[in-house]
Amino acid sequence: MRREFNVLALIKGNERYVFVYDDDSRQSLIDAFRDQAADPRLTFSWFDAAVMSDKAREQARSAEQDAPVKLRF
């Protein structure tokens, strides 16, 4: 079975935030957004966390729509 990964990237000035995750890790990814937004050492903001969370959910919806229908007999 082939394993697929999703990629989300955010570019803020000279900084790059790149997140690679699989479908099973989506909630952990959203938790990581929250943790990074709470870290005062990072420029990753709460707004960034909200936008990236929405994008991750959008990727999930898109993947569900593109998934082939499995029929059981």
PDB file of N, CA and C in Angstrom:
ATOM      1  N   MET A   1       0.840  -1.176   0.000  1.00  0.00           N
ATOM      2  CA  MET A   1       0.000   0.000   0.000  1.00  0.00           C
ATOM      3  C   MET A   1       0.887   1.243   0.000  1.00  0.00           C
ATOM      4  N   ARG A   2       0.535   2.184  -0.817  1.00  0.00           N
ATOM      5  CA  ARG A   2       1.288   3.419  -0.944  1.00  0.00           C
ATOM      6  C   ARG A   2       0.864   4.414   0.132  1.00  0.00           C
ATOM      7  N   ARG A   3       1.818   5.050   0.757  1.00  0.00           N
ATOM      8  CA  ARG A   3       1.527   6.043   1.785  1.00  0.00           C
ATOM      9  C   ARG A   3       1.613   7.431   1.163  1.00  0.00           C
ATOM     10  N   GLU A   4       0.592   8.242   1.394  1.00  0.00           N
ATOM     11  CA  GLU A   4       0.549   9.580   0.828  1.00  0.00           C
ATOM     12  C   GLU A   4       0.738  10.616   1.922  1.00  0.00           C
ATOM     13  N   PHE A   5       1.385  11.703   1.539  1.00  0.00           N
ATOM     14  CA  PHE A   5       1.636  12.797   2.467  1.00  0.00           C
ATOM     15  C   PHE A   5       1.017  14.076   1.930  1.00  0.00           C
ATOM     16  N   ASN A   6       0.679  14.947   2.846  1.00  0.00           N
ATOM     17  CA  ASN A   6       0.163  16.270   2.524  1.00  0.00           C
ATOM     18  C   ASN A   6       1.233  17.291   2.915  1.00  0.00           C
ATOM     19  N   VAL A   7       1.258  18.411   2.219  1.00  0.00           N
ATOM     20  CA  VAL A   7       2.228  19.464   2.508  1.00  0.00           C
ATOM     21  C   VAL A   7       1.483  20.789   2.610  1.00  0.00           C
ATOM     22  N   LEU A   8       1.774  21.525   3.666  1.00  0.00           N
ATOM     23  CA  LEU A   8       1.304  22.902   3.822  1.00  0.00           C
ATOM     24  C   LEU A   8       2.525  23.767   4.072  1.00  0.00           C
ATOM     25  N   ALA A   9       2.569  24.917   3.433  1.00  0.00           N
ATOM     26  CA  ALA A   9       3.713  25.813   3.605  1.00  0.00           C
ATOM     27  C   ALA A   9       3.224  27.236   3.818  1.00  0.00           C
ATOM     28  N   LEU A  10       3.953  27.954   4.651  1.00  0.00           N
ATOM     29  CA  LEU A  10       3.683  29.365   4.917  1.00  0.00           C
ATOM     30  C   LEU A  10       5.007  30.108   4.814  1.00  0.00           C
ATOM     31  N   ILE A  11       5.019  31.164   4.023  1.00  0.00           N
ATOM     32  CA  ILE A  11       6.222  31.995   3.882  1.00  0.00           C
ATOM     33  C   ILE A  11       5.915  33.358   4.488  1.00  0.00           C
ATOM     34  N   LYS A  12       6.719  33.723   5.489  1.00  0.00           N
ATOM     35  CA  LYS A  12       6.576  35.024   6.164  1.00  0.00           C
ATOM     36  C   LYS A  12       7.923  35.735   6.094  1.00  0.00           C
ATOM     37  N   GLY A  13       8.036  36.657   5.161  1.00  0.00           N
ATOM     38  CA  GLY A  13       9.315  37.346   5.007  1.00  0.00           C
ATOM     39  C   GLY A  13      10.404  36.354   4.651  1.00  0.00           C
ATOM     40  N   ASN A  14      11.432  36.294   5.479  1.00  0.00           N
ATOM     41  CA  ASN A  14      12.544  35.367   5.251  1.00  0.00           C
ATOM     42  C   ASN A  14      12.319  34.005   5.896  1.00  0.00           C
ATOM     43  N   GLU A  15      11.227  33.845   6.615  1.00  0.00           N
ATOM     44  CA  GLU A  15      10.970  32.587   7.310  1.00  0.00           C
ATOM     45  C   GLU A  15      10.073  31.668   6.482  1.00  0.00           C
ATOM     46  N   ARG A  16      10.311  30.382   6.619  1.00  0.00           N
ATOM     47  CA  ARG A  16       9.525  29.362   5.930  1.00  0.00           C
ATOM     48  C   ARG A  16       9.011  28.367   6.964  1.00  0.00           C
ATOM     49  N   TYR A  17       7.729  28.152   6.947  1.00  0.00           N
ATOM     50  CA  TYR A  17       7.115  27.118   7.779  1.00  0.00           C
ATOM     51  C   TYR A  17       6.567  26.071   6.818  1.00  0.00           C
ATOM     52  N   VAL A  18       7.115  24.877   6.872  1.00  0.00           N
ATOM     53  CA  VAL A  18       6.697  23.795   5.985  1.00  0.00           C
ATOM     54  C   VAL A  18       6.283  22.604   6.851  1.00  0.00           C
ATOM     55  N   PHE A  19       5.077  22.118   6.608  1.00  0.00           N
ATOM     56  CA  PHE A  19       4.524  21.022   7.391  1.00  0.00           C
ATOM     57  C   PHE A  19       4.191  19.869   6.446  1.00  0.00           C
ATOM     58  N   VAL A  20       4.712  18.702   6.746  1.00  0.00           N
ATOM     59  CA  VAL A  20       4.453  17.487   5.981  1.00  0.00           C
ATOM     60  C   VAL A  20       3.770  16.509   6.935  1.00  0.00           C
ATOM     61  N   TYR A  21       2.627  15.983   6.527  1.00  0.00           N
ATOM     62  CA  TYR A  21       1.862  15.120   7.423  1.00  0.00           C
ATOM     63  C   TYR A  21       1.012  14.149   6.615  1.00  0.00           C
ATOM     64  N   ASP A  22       0.571  13.090   7.262  1.00  0.00           N
ATOM     65  CA  ASP A  22      -0.368  12.174   6.621  1.00  0.00           C
ATOM     66  C   ASP A  22      -1.757  12.414   7.207  1.00  0.00           C
ATOM     67  N   ASP A  23      -2.744  11.795   6.604  1.00  0.00           N
ATOM     68  CA  ASP A  23      -4.126  12.033   7.033  1.00  0.00           C
ATOM     69  C   ASP A  23      -4.362  11.685   8.500  1.00  0.00           C
ATOM     70  N   ASP A  24      -3.687  10.657   8.985  1.00  0.00           N
ATOM     71  CA  ASP A  24      -3.857  10.240  10.377  1.00  0.00           C
ATOM     72  C   ASP A  24      -3.256  11.239  11.366  1.00  0.00           C
ATOM     73  N   SER A  25      -2.400  12.120  10.893  1.00  0.00           N
ATOM     74  CA  SER A  25      -1.709  13.086  11.750  1.00  0.00           C
ATOM     75  C   SER A  25      -2.328  14.480  11.717  1.00  0.00           C
ATOM     76  N   ARG A  26      -3.467  14.622  11.069  1.00  0.00           N
ATOM     77  CA  ARG A  26      -4.049  15.960  10.890  1.00  0.00           C
ATOM     78  C   ARG A  26      -4.308  16.656  12.234  1.00  0.00           C
ATOM     79  N   GLN A  27      -4.882  15.958  13.203  1.00  0.00           N
ATOM     80  CA  GLN A  27      -5.162  16.598  14.495  1.00  0.00           C
ATOM     81  C   GLN A  27      -3.866  16.983  15.206  1.00  0.00           C
ATOM     82  N   SER A  28      -2.845  16.166  15.107  1.00  0.00           N
ATOM     83  CA  SER A  28      -1.544  16.511  15.696  1.00  0.00           C
ATOM     84  C   SER A  28      -0.956  17.747  15.024  1.00  0.00           C
ATOM     85  N   LEU A  29      -1.170  17.858  13.726  1.00  0.00           N
ATOM     86  CA  LEU A  29      -0.707  19.042  12.991  1.00  0.00           C
ATOM     87  C   LEU A  29      -1.399  20.294  13.506  1.00  0.00           C
ATOM     88  N   ILE A  30      -2.698  20.229  13.672  1.00  0.00           N
ATOM     89  CA  ILE A  30      -3.453  21.382  14.166  1.00  0.00           C
ATOM     90  C   ILE A  30      -3.018  21.731  15.587  1.00  0.00           C
ATOM     91  N   ASP A  31      -2.726  20.727  16.397  1.00  0.00           N
ATOM     92  CA  ASP A  31      -2.189  20.971  17.743  1.00  0.00           C
ATOM     93  C   ASP A  31      -0.834  21.665  17.660  1.00  0.00           C
ATOM     94  N   ALA A  32      -0.017  21.267  16.686  1.00  0.00           N
ATOM     95  CA  ALA A  32       1.309  21.892  16.503  1.00  0.00           C
ATOM     96  C   ALA A  32       1.154  23.354  16.096  1.00  0.00           C
ATOM     97  N   PHE A  33       0.165  23.657  15.270  1.00  0.00           N
ATOM     98  CA  PHE A  33      -0.088  25.064  14.906  1.00  0.00           C
ATOM     99  C   PHE A  33      -0.377  25.877  16.166  1.00  0.00           C
ATOM    100  N   ARG A  34      -1.235  25.331  17.014  1.00  0.00           N
ATOM    101  CA  ARG A  34      -1.592  26.017  18.258  1.00  0.00           C
ATOM    102  C   ARG A  34      -0.362  26.230  19.139  1.00  0.00           C
ATOM    103  N   ASP A  35       0.452  25.191  19.280  1.00  0.00           N
ATOM    104  CA  ASP A  35       1.640  25.288  20.118  1.00  0.00           C
ATOM    105  C   ASP A  35       2.628  26.317  19.573  1.00  0.00           C
ATOM    106  N   GLN A  36       2.786  26.343  18.260  1.00  0.00           N
ATOM    107  CA  GLN A  36       3.727  27.297  17.670  1.00  0.00           C
ATOM    108  C   GLN A  36       3.200  28.727  17.776  1.00  0.00           C
ATOM    109  N   ALA A  37       1.896  28.896  17.647  1.00  0.00           N
ATOM    110  CA  ALA A  37       1.325  30.241  17.792  1.00  0.00           C
ATOM    111  C   ALA A  37       1.501  30.761  19.216  1.00  0.00           C
ATOM    112  N   ALA A  38       1.505  29.861  20.189  1.00  0.00           N
ATOM    113  CA  ALA A  38       1.662  30.263  21.597  1.00  0.00           C
ATOM    114  C   ALA A  38       3.118  30.522  21.978  1.00  0.00           C
ATOM    115  N   ASP A  39       4.046  30.148  21.114  1.00  0.00           N
ATOM    116  CA  ASP A  39       5.472  30.309  21.402  1.00  0.00           C
ATOM    117  C   ASP A  39       5.917  31.729  21.043  1.00  0.00           C
ATOM    118  N   PRO A  40       6.271  32.556  22.033  1.00  0.00           N
ATOM    119  CA  PRO A  40       6.640  33.947  21.745  1.00  0.00           C
ATOM    120  C   PRO A  40       7.951  34.085  20.956  1.00  0.00           C
ATOM    121  N   ARG A  41       8.726  33.014  20.875  1.00  0.00           N
ATOM    122  CA  ARG A  41       9.982  33.076  20.114  1.00  0.00           C
ATOM    123  C   ARG A  41       9.765  32.965  18.612  1.00  0.00           C
ATOM    124  N   LEU A  42       8.568  32.562  18.216  1.00  0.00           N
ATOM    125  CA  LEU A  42       8.263  32.371  16.801  1.00  0.00           C
ATOM    126  C   LEU A  42       7.379  33.495  16.277  1.00  0.00           C
ATOM    127  N   THR A  43       7.452  33.743  14.989  1.00  0.00           N
ATOM    128  CA  THR A  43       6.577  34.741  14.370  1.00  0.00           C
ATOM    129  C   THR A  43       5.272  34.122  13.892  1.00  0.00           C
ATOM    130  N   PHE A  44       5.125  32.813  14.081  1.00  0.00           N
ATOM    131  CA  PHE A  44       3.901  32.110  13.699  1.00  0.00           C
ATOM    132  C   PHE A  44       2.788  32.588  14.631  1.00  0.00           C
ATOM    133  N   SER A  45       1.800  33.280  14.077  1.00  0.00           N
ATOM    134  CA  SER A  45       0.765  33.932  14.887  1.00  0.00           C
ATOM    135  C   SER A  45      -0.495  33.077  15.008  1.00  0.00           C
ATOM    136  N   TRP A  46      -1.421  33.552  15.838  1.00  0.00           N
ATOM    137  CA  TRP A  46      -2.708  32.863  15.968  1.00  0.00           C
ATOM    138  C   TRP A  46      -3.480  32.942  14.659  1.00  0.00           C
ATOM    139  N   PHE A  47      -3.344  34.038  13.946  1.00  0.00           N
ATOM    140  CA  PHE A  47      -3.974  34.157  12.634  1.00  0.00           C
ATOM    141  C   PHE A  47      -3.409  33.098  11.688  1.00  0.00           C
ATOM    142  N   ASP A  48      -2.075  32.950  11.689  1.00  0.00           N
ATOM    143  CA  ASP A  48      -1.433  31.929  10.861  1.00  0.00           C
ATOM    144  C   ASP A  48      -1.966  30.543  11.217  1.00  0.00           C
ATOM    145  N   ALA A  49      -2.099  30.274  12.513  1.00  0.00           N
ATOM    146  CA  ALA A  49      -2.590  28.980  12.969  1.00  0.00           C
ATOM    147  C   ALA A  49      -4.013  28.731  12.461  1.00  0.00           C
ATOM    148  N   ALA A  50      -4.844  29.754  12.509  1.00  0.00           N
ATOM    149  CA  ALA A  50      -6.226  29.611  12.040  1.00  0.00           C
ATOM    150  C   ALA A  50      -6.270  29.353  10.534  1.00  0.00           C
ATOM    151  N   VAL A  51      -5.490  30.106   9.777  1.00  0.00           N
ATOM    152  CA  VAL A  51      -5.469  29.935   8.322  1.00  0.00           C
ATOM    153  C   VAL A  51      -4.932  28.553   7.946  1.00  0.00           C
ATOM    154  N   MET A  52      -3.858  28.135   8.590  1.00  0.00           N
ATOM    155  CA  MET A  52      -3.262  26.842   8.269  1.00  0.00           C
ATOM    156  C   MET A  52      -4.184  25.689   8.684  1.00  0.00           C
ATOM    157  N   SER A  53      -4.877  25.840   9.799  1.00  0.00           N
ATOM    158  CA  SER A  53      -5.845  24.822  10.220  1.00  0.00           C
ATOM    159  C   SER A  53      -6.962  24.694   9.188  1.00  0.00           C
ATOM    160  N   ASP A  54      -7.455  25.829   8.706  1.00  0.00           N
ATOM    161  CA  ASP A  54      -8.485  25.801   7.665  1.00  0.00           C
ATOM    162  C   ASP A  54      -7.972  25.119   6.402  1.00  0.00           C
ATOM    163  N   LYS A  55      -6.728  25.392   6.034  1.00  0.00           N
ATOM    164  CA  LYS A  55      -6.141  24.773   4.838  1.00  0.00           C
ATOM    165  C   LYS A  55      -6.013  23.260   5.020  1.00  0.00           C
ATOM    166  N   ALA A  56      -5.634  22.816   6.207  1.00  0.00           N
ATOM    167  CA  ALA A  56      -5.513  21.379   6.463  1.00  0.00           C
ATOM    168  C   ALA A  56      -6.879  20.713   6.350  1.00  0.00           C
ATOM    169  N   ARG A  57      -7.900  21.353   6.888  1.00  0.00           N
ATOM    170  CA  ARG A  57      -9.251  20.798   6.787  1.00  0.00           C
ATOM    171  C   ARG A  57      -9.737  20.807   5.333  1.00  0.00           C
ATOM    172  N   GLU A  58      -9.379  21.850   4.607  1.00  0.00           N
ATOM    173  CA  GLU A  58      -9.735  21.941   3.190  1.00  0.00           C
ATOM    174  C   GLU A  58      -9.073  20.805   2.398  1.00  0.00           C
ATOM    175  N   GLN A  59      -7.813  20.516   2.705  1.00  0.00           N
ATOM    176  CA  GLN A  59      -7.136  19.404   2.046  1.00  0.00           C
ATOM    177  C   GLN A  59      -7.865  18.091   2.331  1.00  0.00           C
ATOM    178  N   ALA A  60      -8.333  17.919   3.556  1.00  0.00           N
ATOM    179  CA  ALA A  60      -9.044  16.693   3.922  1.00  0.00           C
ATOM    180  C   ALA A  60     -10.347  16.579   3.136  1.00  0.00           C
ATOM    181  N   ARG A  61     -11.085  17.669   3.048  1.00  0.00           N
ATOM    182  CA  ARG A  61     -12.340  17.644   2.288  1.00  0.00           C
ATOM    183  C   ARG A  61     -12.080  17.343   0.816  1.00  0.00           C
ATOM    184  N   SER A  62     -11.060  17.944   0.271  1.00  0.00           N
ATOM    185  CA  SER A  62     -10.713  17.718  -1.130  1.00  0.00           C
ATOM    186  C   SER A  62     -10.320  16.266  -1.374  1.00  0.00           C
ATOM    187  N   ALA A  63      -9.558  15.697  -0.459  1.00  0.00           N
ATOM    188  CA  ALA A  63      -9.142  14.299  -0.591  1.00  0.00           C
ATOM    189  C   ALA A  63     -10.345  13.364  -0.520  1.00  0.00           C
ATOM    190  N   GLU A  64     -11.308  13.691   0.342  1.00  0.00           N
ATOM    191  CA  GLU A  64     -12.508  12.866   0.457  1.00  0.00           C
ATOM    192  C   GLU A  64     -13.316  12.900  -0.830  1.00  0.00           C
ATOM    193  N   GLN A  65     -13.396  14.062  -1.464  1.00  0.00           N
ATOM    194  CA  GLN A  65     -14.149  14.198  -2.704  1.00  0.00           C
ATOM    195  C   GLN A  65     -13.462  13.481  -3.856  1.00  0.00           C
ATOM    196  N   ASP A  66     -12.126  13.441  -3.835  1.00  0.00           N
ATOM    197  CA  ASP A  66     -11.358  12.815  -4.908  1.00  0.00           C
ATOM    198  C   ASP A  66     -11.188  11.314  -4.718  1.00  0.00           C
ATOM    199  N   ALA A  67     -11.501  10.818  -3.529  1.00  0.00           N
ATOM    200  CA  ALA A  67     -11.292   9.398  -3.237  1.00  0.00           C
ATOM    201  C   ALA A  67     -12.255   8.542  -4.055  1.00  0.00           C
ATOM    202  N   PRO A  68     -11.760   7.442  -4.587  1.00  0.00           N
ATOM    203  CA  PRO A  68     -12.671   6.559  -5.332  1.00  0.00           C
ATOM    204  C   PRO A  68     -13.688   5.925  -4.384  1.00  0.00           C
ATOM    205  N   VAL A  69     -14.839   5.694  -4.895  1.00  0.00           N
ATOM    206  CA  VAL A  69     -15.901   5.079  -4.113  1.00  0.00           C
ATOM    207  C   VAL A  69     -15.607   3.577  -4.021  1.00  0.00           C
ATOM    208  N   LYS A  70     -15.638   3.062  -2.801  1.00  0.00           N
ATOM    209  CA  LYS A  70     -15.388   1.635  -2.585  1.00  0.00           C
ATOM    210  C   LYS A  70     -16.726   0.938  -2.385  1.00  0.00           C
ATOM    211  N   LEU A  71     -16.969  -0.005  -3.249  1.00  0.00           N
ATOM    212  CA  LEU A  71     -18.216  -0.775  -3.160  1.00  0.00           C
ATOM    213  C   LEU A  71     -17.941  -2.100  -2.491  1.00  0.00           C
ATOM    214  N   ARG A  72     -18.844  -2.505  -1.624  1.00  0.00           N
ATOM    215  CA  ARG A  72     -18.720  -3.808  -0.957  1.00  0.00           C
ATOM    216  C   ARG A  72     -19.880  -4.677  -1.404  1.00  0.00           C
ATOM    217  N   PHE A  73     -19.552  -5.893  -1.712  1.00  0.00           N
ATOM    218  CA  PHE A  73     -20.572  -6.845  -2.131  1.00  0.00           C
ATOM    219  C   PHE A  73     -20.670  -7.966  -1.138  1.00  0.00           C
TER     220      PHE A  73
END
